[in-house]
Amino acid sequence: MQIFLFKANGNYFGFISDGNIFSRDGEYLGWVENNIAWDKNGTFRGQLIKINENHYLLRNKLAISPIPRIPKVSPVAPVPPIPQINIIPVTLPIGFVDSF
């Protein structure tokens, strides 16, 4: 199952496949574990948050970030799905920003 990701401005960003985060072009960016997003170097990037039936990777600028993780082996990139249509922008909660 794939989860499509959007930026707060409504632009289609990428997707999650088997817990791995990929750009819209299929470039491996990191992974999601318990709704926490890590980049491919093991650096905390934010949380997977669902707003109005759409998914976003967001970071709370006011919160302390967890310690980095050991990077995972880059997976074989799946064939990118057909790019999603951009959606209506959303207003993020105070302190939150797009994480990638």
C-alpha atoms as a PDB file:
ATOM      1  CA  MET A   1       0.000   0.000   0.000  1.00  0.00           C
ATOM      2  CA  GLN A   2       1.294   3.451  -0.883  1.00  0.00           C
ATOM      3  CA  ILE A   3       0.628   6.650   1.024  1.00  0.00           C
ATOM      4  CA  PHE A   4       0.765   9.837  -1.011  1.00  0.00           C
ATOM      5  CA  LEU A   5       2.485  12.821   0.633  1.00  0.00           C
ATOM      6  CA  PHE A   6       1.796  16.515   0.156  1.00  0.00           C
ATOM      7  CA  LYS A   7       3.408  19.742   1.291  1.00  0.00           C
ATOM      8  CA  ALA A   8       1.372  22.306   3.231  1.00  0.00           C
ATOM      9  CA  ASN A   9       1.150  24.446   0.080  1.00  0.00           C
ATOM     10  CA  GLY A  10      -0.800  21.588  -1.553  1.00  0.00           C
ATOM     11  CA  ASN A  11       1.956  20.339  -3.879  1.00  0.00           C
ATOM     12  CA  TYR A  12       2.360  16.585  -4.280  1.00  0.00           C
ATOM     13  CA  PHE A  13       5.684  15.709  -2.639  1.00  0.00           C
ATOM     14  CA  GLY A  14       6.158  11.956  -2.833  1.00  0.00           C
ATOM     15  CA  PHE A  15       4.987   8.688  -1.377  1.00  0.00           C
ATOM     16  CA  ILE A  16       5.599   6.058   1.260  1.00  0.00           C
ATOM     17  CA  SER A  17       5.933   2.452   0.160  1.00  0.00           C
ATOM     18  CA  ASP A  18       6.659  -0.371   2.642  1.00  0.00           C
ATOM     19  CA  GLY A  19       7.604   2.220   5.272  1.00  0.00           C
ATOM     20  CA  ASN A  20      10.140   3.942   2.998  1.00  0.00           C
ATOM     21  CA  ILE A  21       9.833   7.580   1.889  1.00  0.00           C
ATOM     22  CA  PHE A  22      10.381   8.387  -1.775  1.00  0.00           C
ATOM     23  CA  SER A  23      10.238  11.645  -3.719  1.00  0.00           C
ATOM     24  CA  ARG A  24       7.660  12.033  -6.470  1.00  0.00           C
ATOM     25  CA  ASP A  25      10.390  10.833  -8.889  1.00  0.00           C
ATOM     26  CA  GLY A  26      11.166   7.676  -6.873  1.00  0.00           C
ATOM     27  CA  GLU A  27      14.342   8.893  -5.114  1.00  0.00           C
ATOM     28  CA  TYR A  28      14.800   7.267  -1.689  1.00  0.00           C
ATOM     29  CA  LEU A  29      14.602   9.934   1.039  1.00  0.00           C
ATOM     30  CA  GLY A  30      14.247   7.977   4.279  1.00  0.00           C
ATOM     31  CA  TRP A  31      11.793   5.881   6.250  1.00  0.00           C
ATOM     32  CA  VAL A  32       8.840   6.101   8.620  1.00  0.00           C
ATOM     33  CA  GLU A  33       8.735   4.144  11.863  1.00  0.00           C
ATOM     34  CA  ASN A  34       5.726   4.521  14.208  1.00  0.00           C
ATOM     35  CA  ASN A  35       4.705   7.668  12.287  1.00  0.00           C
ATOM     36  CA  ILE A  36       8.160   9.222  12.877  1.00  0.00           C
ATOM     37  CA  ALA A  37      10.072  10.214   9.729  1.00  0.00           C
ATOM     38  CA  TRP A  38      13.842   9.768   9.421  1.00  0.00           C
ATOM     39  CA  ASP A  39      15.923  10.826   6.434  1.00  0.00           C
ATOM     40  CA  LYS A  40      18.260   8.396   4.658  1.00  0.00           C
ATOM     41  CA  ASN A  41      21.123   9.496   6.964  1.00  0.00           C
ATOM     42  CA  GLY A  42      19.136   8.650  10.111  1.00  0.00           C
ATOM     43  CA  THR A  43      18.338  12.265  11.030  1.00  0.00           C
ATOM     44  CA  PHE A  44      14.904  12.985  12.510  1.00  0.00           C
ATOM     45  CA  ARG A  45      12.743  14.829   9.985  1.00  0.00           C
ATOM     46  CA  GLY A  46       9.306  14.950  11.591  1.00  0.00           C
ATOM     47  CA  GLN A  47       6.015  13.114  11.895  1.00  0.00           C
ATOM     48  CA  LEU A  48       3.577  11.571   9.470  1.00  0.00           C
ATOM     49  CA  ILE A  49       0.369  13.529  10.058  1.00  0.00           C
ATOM     50  CA  LYS A  50      -3.020  13.155   8.404  1.00  0.00           C
ATOM     51  CA  ILE A  51      -5.027  16.353   7.851  1.00  0.00           C
ATOM     52  CA  ASN A  52      -8.339  16.296   5.954  1.00  0.00           C
ATOM     53  CA  GLU A  53      -7.693  12.797   4.553  1.00  0.00           C
ATOM     54  CA  ASN A  54      -4.251  13.796   3.152  1.00  0.00           C
ATOM     55  CA  HIS A  55      -0.826  12.904   4.551  1.00  0.00           C
ATOM     56  CA  TYR A  56       2.019  15.289   5.379  1.00  0.00           C
ATOM     57  CA  LEU A  57       5.520  14.964   6.845  1.00  0.00           C
ATOM     58  CA  LEU A  58       5.705  17.778   9.380  1.00  0.00           C
ATOM     59  CA  ARG A  59       8.189  18.905  12.017  1.00  0.00           C
ATOM     60  CA  ASN A  60       7.396  20.861  15.152  1.00  0.00           C
ATOM     61  CA  LYS A  61      10.064  23.590  15.325  1.00  0.00           C
ATOM     62  CA  LEU A  62       9.286  24.109  19.024  1.00  0.00           C
ATOM     63  CA  ALA A  63       9.964  20.477  20.058  1.00  0.00           C
ATOM     64  CA  ILE A  64      13.284  18.813  20.842  1.00  0.00           C
ATOM     65  CA  SER A  65      14.316  16.359  18.129  1.00  0.00           C
ATOM     66  CA  PRO A  66      15.115  12.732  18.994  1.00  0.00           C
ATOM     67  CA  ILE A  67      18.675  11.487  18.659  1.00  0.00           C
ATOM     68  CA  PRO A  68      19.674  10.282  15.171  1.00  0.00           C
ATOM     69  CA  ARG A  69      19.220   6.655  14.145  1.00  0.00           C
ATOM     70  CA  ILE A  70      21.589   4.333  12.350  1.00  0.00           C
ATOM     71  CA  PRO A  71      20.865   4.704   8.613  1.00  0.00           C
ATOM     72  CA  LYS A  72      19.125   1.818   6.886  1.00  0.00           C
ATOM     73  CA  VAL A  73      20.261   0.225   3.662  1.00  0.00           C
ATOM     74  CA  SER A  74      18.642   2.041   0.756  1.00  0.00           C
ATOM     75  CA  PRO A  75      15.844  -0.091  -0.676  1.00  0.00           C
ATOM     76  CA  VAL A  76      15.278  -0.773  -4.326  1.00  0.00           C
ATOM     77  CA  ALA A  77      13.103   2.080  -5.513  1.00  0.00           C
ATOM     78  CA  PRO A  78       9.669   1.040  -6.714  1.00  0.00           C
ATOM     79  CA  VAL A  79       8.250   2.398  -9.928  1.00  0.00           C
ATOM     80  CA  PRO A  80       6.865   5.807  -8.938  1.00  0.00           C
ATOM     81  CA  PRO A  81       3.084   5.995  -9.070  1.00  0.00           C
ATOM     82  CA  ILE A  82       1.370   8.429 -11.391  1.00  0.00           C
ATOM     83  CA  PRO A  83       1.912  11.851  -9.766  1.00  0.00           C
ATOM     84  CA  GLN A  84      -1.048  13.006  -7.736  1.00  0.00           C
ATOM     85  CA  ILE A  85      -2.924  16.199  -8.492  1.00  0.00           C
ATOM     86  CA  ASN A  86      -1.977  19.067  -6.193  1.00  0.00           C
ATOM     87  CA  ILE A  87      -4.504  19.784  -3.473  1.00  0.00           C
ATOM     88  CA  ILE A  88      -5.792  22.833  -1.615  1.00  0.00           C
ATOM     89  CA  PRO A  89      -3.154  24.263   0.794  1.00  0.00           C
ATOM     90  CA  VAL A  90      -3.647  23.727   4.528  1.00  0.00           C
ATOM     91  CA  THR A  91      -2.888  25.935   7.496  1.00  0.00           C
ATOM     92  CA  LEU A  92      -0.485  24.121   9.796  1.00  0.00           C
ATOM     93  CA  PRO A  93      -0.668  24.211  13.584  1.00  0.00           C
ATOM     94  CA  ILE A  94       1.590  26.804  15.241  1.00  0.00           C
ATOM     95  CA  GLY A  95       5.230  25.722  15.195  1.00  0.00           C
ATOM     96  CA  PHE A  96       4.846  23.075  12.466  1.00  0.00           C
ATOM     97  CA  VAL A  97       6.619  23.216   9.093  1.00  0.00           C
ATOM     98  CA  ASP A  98       7.113  20.831   6.170  1.00  0.00           C
ATOM     99  CA  SER A  99       9.900  18.459   7.113  1.00  0.00           C
ATOM    100  CA  PHE A 100      11.499  17.789   3.724  1.00  0.00           C
END
